[in-house]
Structure formats: C-alpha cells, structure tokens
Amino acid sequence: MNAAPMVQTLKQEMESKRLELKYFAQYHGFSHPATVKLSQELDELFNLYHQLNQK
C-alpha cells in the first residue's frame, strides 16, 4: 500500500494545525487550555507522521 497520499494529507493537516496554534497562542497565550489542547493535537499528528515514515 502506498502511503504517499496519506503522508501528503497529513503534512497539510500538520501545517494547518500549526498555523491555528500559532495564531491562537498569540491571542490567548501559551498557557490557555485551548492552546495546550491544540498543541497536543499537533503532537499527535507529528507522532502519526513519524510512525508512517518508519515503515
């Protein structure tokens, strides 16, 4: 199975989440609970990306 399309989609999701986190943190601060949640979501995407690239 070719994971390339999935990896590309994942990269797009990571970039979108990164920008969302950046702008939210600028407005609400880094310790706001929603900022922390967005950061954790981005971490999950990075972990999935790493797992896909290990195969």
Foldseek 3Di string as FASTA:
>chain_A
DDCVVVLVVLVVVLVVLVVVLVVVCVVPNCPPPVSVVSVVVSVVSVVVSVVVVVD
